[in-house]
N, C-alpha and C. Protein backbone atom coordinates (compact mmCIF):
# COMPACT_ATOMS: atom_id res chain seq x y z
N UNK A 1 1.14 -1.04 -0.16
CA UNK A 1 0.03 0.20 0.17
C UNK A 1 0.92 1.33 -0.04
N UNK A 2 1.86 1.11 0.14
CA UNK A 2 2.86 2.30 0.70
C UNK A 2 4.01 1.97 -0.37
N UNK A 3 4.39 3.39 -0.98
CA UNK A 3 5.71 3.39 -2.10
C UNK A 3 7.18 2.91 -1.52
N UNK A 4 7.23 3.07 -0.14
CA UNK A 4 8.25 2.70 0.61
C UNK A 4 7.83 2.79 1.97
N UNK A 5 9.25 2.44 2.73
CA UNK A 5 8.86 1.94 4.39
C UNK A 5 8.79 3.30 4.95
N UNK A 6 9.36 4.42 4.89
CA UNK A 6 9.13 5.76 5.32
C UNK A 6 7.57 6.26 5.02
N UNK A 7 7.12 6.04 3.98
CA UNK A 7 5.87 6.34 3.81
C UNK A 7 4.52 5.26 4.69
N UNK A 8 5.22 4.16 4.67
CA UNK A 8 4.56 3.13 5.44
C UNK A 8 4.61 3.54 6.82
N UNK A 9 5.71 3.85 7.41
CA UNK A 9 6.00 4.24 8.91
C UNK A 9 4.92 5.42 9.48
N UNK A 10 5.05 6.52 8.38
CA UNK A 10 4.22 7.47 8.80
C UNK A 10 2.77 7.50 8.90
N UNK A 11 2.30 6.79 7.99
CA UNK A 11 1.03 6.46 7.64
C UNK A 11 0.31 5.59 8.81
N UNK A 12 1.44 4.83 9.18
CA UNK A 12 0.95 4.07 10.46
C UNK A 12 0.79 4.71 11.82
N UNK A 13 1.60 5.73 11.72
CA UNK A 13 1.29 6.53 12.80
C UNK A 13 0.58 7.43 12.44
N UNK A 14 -0.05 8.07 11.61
CA UNK A 14 -0.90 9.14 11.11
C UNK A 14 -2.40 8.08 11.64
N UNK A 15 -2.36 6.78 11.30
CA UNK A 15 -3.76 6.17 11.71
C UNK A 15 -3.67 5.96 13.15
N UNK A 16 -2.57 5.67 13.72
CA UNK A 16 -2.57 5.76 15.44
C UNK A 16 -3.21 7.04 15.97
N UNK A 17 -2.70 8.10 15.57
CA UNK A 17 -2.80 9.34 16.17
C UNK A 17 -4.26 10.25 15.93
N UNK A 18 -5.03 9.30 14.70
CA UNK A 18 -6.50 9.77 14.31
C UNK A 18 -7.29 8.97 14.78
N UNK A 19 -7.91 9.59 16.10
CA UNK A 19 -9.32 8.46 16.16
C UNK A 19 -10.52 7.89 15.26
N UNK A 20 -10.45 8.89 14.48
CA UNK A 20 -11.39 8.46 13.12
C UNK A 20 -10.75 7.37 12.39
N UNK A 21 -9.65 7.23 12.26
CA UNK A 21 -8.59 6.47 11.34
C UNK A 21 -8.23 5.21 12.51
N UNK A 22 -7.84 5.73 13.66
CA UNK A 22 -6.92 4.50 14.12
C UNK A 22 -7.65 3.43 14.42
N UNK A 23 -6.87 2.75 15.40
CA UNK A 23 -7.29 0.86 15.73
C UNK A 23 -7.87 1.16 17.11
N UNK A 24 -8.92 0.62 17.26
CA UNK A 24 -9.88 0.32 18.47
C UNK A 24 -8.99 0.51 19.83
N UNK A 25 -8.93 1.24 20.64
CA UNK A 25 -8.26 0.94 22.21
C UNK A 25 -6.98 1.15 21.71
N UNK A 26 -6.25 1.60 21.08
CA UNK A 26 -4.88 1.67 20.66
C UNK A 26 -4.93 2.92 20.24
N UNK A 27 -3.90 4.19 21.08
CA UNK A 27 -3.59 5.39 20.86
C UNK A 27 -2.02 5.47 20.81
N UNK A 28 -1.71 6.77 20.15
CA UNK A 28 -0.10 7.23 20.18
C UNK A 28 -0.12 8.17 21.28
N UNK A 29 0.88 7.66 22.01
CA UNK A 29 1.09 8.58 23.32
C UNK A 29 2.84 8.86 23.11
N UNK A 30 3.18 10.22 22.96
CA UNK A 30 4.07 10.73 23.19
C UNK A 30 4.42 12.03 24.45
N UNK A 31 5.37 11.70 25.02
CA UNK A 31 5.58 12.29 26.16
C UNK A 31 6.59 13.39 26.04
N UNK A 32 5.97 15.05 25.99
CA UNK A 32 6.58 15.93 25.70
C UNK A 32 5.63 16.91 25.93
N UNK A 33 6.21 18.15 26.20
CA UNK A 33 5.35 19.61 26.69
C UNK A 33 5.51 20.73 26.04
N UNK A 34 4.92 21.81 26.23
CA UNK A 34 5.48 23.11 25.66
C UNK A 34 5.72 22.92 24.14
N UNK A 35 6.88 23.85 23.91
CA UNK A 35 7.23 24.06 22.47
C UNK A 35 7.38 22.86 21.99
N UNK A 36 7.89 21.80 22.50
CA UNK A 36 8.09 20.52 22.17
C UNK A 36 6.89 19.69 21.26
N UNK A 37 5.59 19.84 22.13
CA UNK A 37 4.66 19.18 21.62
C UNK A 37 4.18 20.18 20.30
N UNK A 38 4.12 21.66 20.40
CA UNK A 38 3.71 22.08 19.01
C UNK A 38 4.42 21.82 17.71
N UNK A 39 6.22 21.79 18.24
CA UNK A 39 7.18 21.60 17.34
C UNK A 39 6.66 20.08 16.64
N UNK A 40 6.39 18.77 17.44
CA UNK A 40 6.11 17.90 16.78
C UNK A 40 5.04 17.86 16.13
N UNK A 41 3.96 18.14 16.36
CA UNK A 41 2.46 18.23 15.98
C UNK A 41 2.80 18.68 14.95
N UNK A 42 3.51 20.03 14.53
CA UNK A 42 3.64 20.78 13.38
C UNK A 42 4.17 19.81 12.35
N UNK A 43 5.20 19.09 12.60
CA UNK A 43 5.99 18.21 11.53
C UNK A 43 5.63 17.12 11.32
N UNK A 44 4.44 16.44 12.33
CA UNK A 44 4.02 15.25 11.90
C UNK A 44 2.63 15.35 10.78
N UNK A 45 2.48 16.73 11.00
CA UNK A 45 0.98 16.90 10.33
C UNK A 45 1.52 18.19 8.81
N UNK A 46 2.90 17.96 8.92
CA UNK A 46 2.89 19.05 7.70
C UNK A 46 3.42 18.42 6.55
N UNK A 47 4.12 16.90 6.70
CA UNK A 47 4.33 16.26 5.65
C UNK A 47 3.05 15.76 4.66
N UNK A 48 3.07 16.12 3.26
CA UNK A 48 2.34 16.19 2.09
C UNK A 48 2.26 14.77 1.90
N UNK A 49 1.16 14.27 1.47
CA UNK A 49 1.26 12.84 0.94
C UNK A 49 0.29 12.99 -0.27
N UNK A 50 0.78 11.61 -1.18
CA UNK A 50 0.24 11.48 -2.50
C UNK A 50 0.23 10.26 -2.80
N UNK A 51 0.17 10.06 -4.03
CA UNK A 51 0.23 8.38 -4.79
C UNK A 51 1.06 8.68 -5.79
N UNK A 52 1.58 7.28 -5.84
CA UNK A 52 2.86 7.29 -7.21
C UNK A 52 1.97 6.78 -8.14
N UNK A 53 2.27 6.52 -9.53
CA UNK A 53 1.93 5.68 -10.31
C UNK A 53 1.23 4.55 -10.25
N UNK A 54 1.68 3.74 -9.35
CA UNK A 54 0.79 2.44 -8.88
C UNK A 54 -0.26 2.58 -8.04
N UNK A 55 -0.65 4.09 -7.34
CA UNK A 55 -1.54 4.17 -6.04
C UNK A 55 -1.25 3.73 -5.26
N UNK A 56 0.32 3.71 -4.90
CA UNK A 56 0.62 3.45 -3.28
C UNK A 56 1.04 4.83 -2.86
N UNK A 57 0.35 4.64 -1.62
CA UNK A 57 1.00 6.03 -0.54
C UNK A 57 2.28 6.40 -1.09
N UNK A 58 2.54 7.54 -1.48
CA UNK A 58 3.88 8.39 -1.25
C UNK A 58 3.60 9.40 -0.37
N UNK A 59 4.92 9.72 0.18
CA UNK A 59 5.30 10.69 1.33
C UNK A 59 6.33 11.87 0.57
N UNK A 60 5.51 12.73 0.90
CA UNK A 60 6.99 14.09 0.63
C UNK A 60 8.37 13.70 1.07
N UNK A 61 9.17 13.94 0.17
CA UNK A 61 10.82 13.85 0.77
C UNK A 61 11.42 14.82 1.88
N UNK A 62 12.21 14.47 2.45
CA UNK A 62 12.48 15.60 3.74
C UNK A 62 13.09 16.53 3.04
N UNK A 63 13.69 16.53 1.83
CA UNK A 63 14.27 17.83 1.26
C UNK A 63 13.50 18.49 0.59
N UNK A 64 12.18 18.09 0.25
CA UNK A 64 11.14 18.98 -0.23
C UNK A 64 10.39 19.67 0.89
N UNK A 65 10.12 18.90 2.10
CA UNK A 65 9.85 19.59 3.40
C UNK A 65 10.61 20.83 3.92
N UNK A 66 11.68 20.42 3.75
CA UNK A 66 13.22 21.53 4.45
C UNK A 66 12.88 22.61 3.39
N UNK A 67 12.90 22.25 1.94
CA UNK A 67 12.48 23.75 1.13
C UNK A 67 11.50 24.19 1.43
N UNK A 68 10.51 24.29 1.68
CA UNK A 68 9.02 24.33 2.28
C UNK A 68 8.78 25.05 3.11
N UNK A 69 9.57 24.29 4.54
CA UNK A 69 9.42 25.16 5.67
C UNK A 69 10.94 25.81 6.41
N UNK A 70 11.87 25.24 5.78
CA UNK A 70 13.15 25.79 6.14
C UNK A 70 13.49 24.81 7.19
N UNK A 71 12.78 23.80 7.27
CA UNK A 71 13.48 23.20 8.75
C UNK A 71 13.20 21.21 8.50
N UNK A 72 14.02 20.91 8.91
CA UNK A 72 13.83 19.18 8.67
C UNK A 72 13.04 18.66 9.91
N UNK A 73 12.36 17.78 9.66
CA UNK A 73 11.50 17.24 10.23
C UNK A 73 11.81 15.85 11.46
N UNK A 74 13.11 16.43 12.12
CA UNK A 74 13.85 15.39 12.91
C UNK A 74 13.05 14.81 13.89
N UNK A 75 12.46 15.54 14.84
CA UNK A 75 11.54 14.86 15.89
C UNK A 75 10.20 13.95 15.45
N UNK A 76 9.77 14.77 14.10
CA UNK A 76 8.56 13.61 13.48
C UNK A 76 9.56 12.23 13.24
N UNK A 77 10.78 12.26 12.50
CA UNK A 77 11.30 11.14 11.94
C UNK A 77 11.60 10.37 13.23
N UNK A 78 12.12 10.94 14.20
CA UNK A 78 12.51 9.88 15.62
C UNK A 78 11.17 9.13 15.97
N UNK A 79 9.76 9.89 15.88
CA UNK A 79 8.96 9.58 16.56
C UNK A 79 8.20 8.14 15.74
N UNK A 80 8.29 8.34 14.07
CA UNK A 80 7.58 7.58 13.61
C UNK A 80 8.75 6.20 13.27
N UNK A 81 9.91 6.30 13.58
CA UNK A 81 10.95 5.12 13.66
C UNK A 81 10.59 4.56 14.87
N UNK A 82 10.45 4.99 15.79
CA UNK A 82 9.96 4.34 16.94
C UNK A 82 9.14 3.29 17.23
N UNK A 83 7.60 3.92 15.96
CA UNK A 83 6.56 3.24 16.07
C UNK A 83 6.88 2.12 14.56
N UNK A 84 7.93 2.52 14.05
CA UNK A 84 8.09 1.96 12.31
C UNK A 84 7.77 0.19 12.63
N UNK A 85 7.12 -0.29 11.68
CA UNK A 85 7.13 -2.02 11.77
C UNK A 85 8.59 -2.33 11.40
N UNK A 86 8.75 -3.43 12.06
CA UNK A 86 10.07 -4.17 12.13
C UNK A 86 10.25 -5.62 11.24
N UNK A 87 11.30 -6.11 10.39
CA UNK A 87 11.22 -7.05 10.28
C UNK A 87 12.06 -7.89 10.95
N UNK A 88 12.22 -9.31 11.07
CA UNK A 88 13.06 -10.05 11.70
C UNK A 88 14.34 -10.21 10.67
N UNK A 89 15.33 -9.85 10.95
CA UNK A 89 16.55 -9.77 9.83
C UNK A 89 17.15 -11.18 10.25
N UNK A 90 16.94 -11.91 11.46
CA UNK A 90 17.77 -12.97 11.47
C UNK A 90 18.86 -12.77 12.57
N UNK A 91 19.29 -11.41 12.56
CA UNK A 91 20.44 -10.67 13.26
C UNK A 91 20.34 -10.57 14.80
N UNK A 92 20.68 -10.81 15.72
CA UNK A 92 20.49 -10.61 17.48
C UNK A 92 21.64 -10.46 17.80
N UNK A 93 21.40 -8.82 18.65
CA UNK A 93 22.54 -8.93 19.20
C UNK A 93 22.23 -8.48 20.77
N UNK A 94 23.15 -9.06 22.02
CA UNK A 94 23.00 -9.21 23.10
C UNK A 94 24.08 -8.20 23.55
N UNK A 95 24.16 -7.61 24.69
CA UNK A 95 24.70 -7.16 25.49
C UNK A 95 25.16 -7.87 26.80
N UNK A 96 26.26 -8.66 26.79
CA UNK A 96 26.76 -9.40 27.78
C UNK A 96 27.74 -8.88 28.39
């Protein structure tokens, strides 16, 4: 459904953050306050979505966001990565 993993991860966070779209009984909770809340909310809602030639969800590139807003969505990327679906690569690392 998504053109790449970044678009998929952002779309997943969007679903959790929107009660009308979200998953019943599951919510997105991020601990921050003050200006950090405003900055994060702005970054998460500012990315433009579209569709590629195959009808898959496509997310505006970081470069395009930076050109348009003058800022990189670093905090939003960090939150999205924290909620991103993962694949089992077979590589497991333990600290001993």
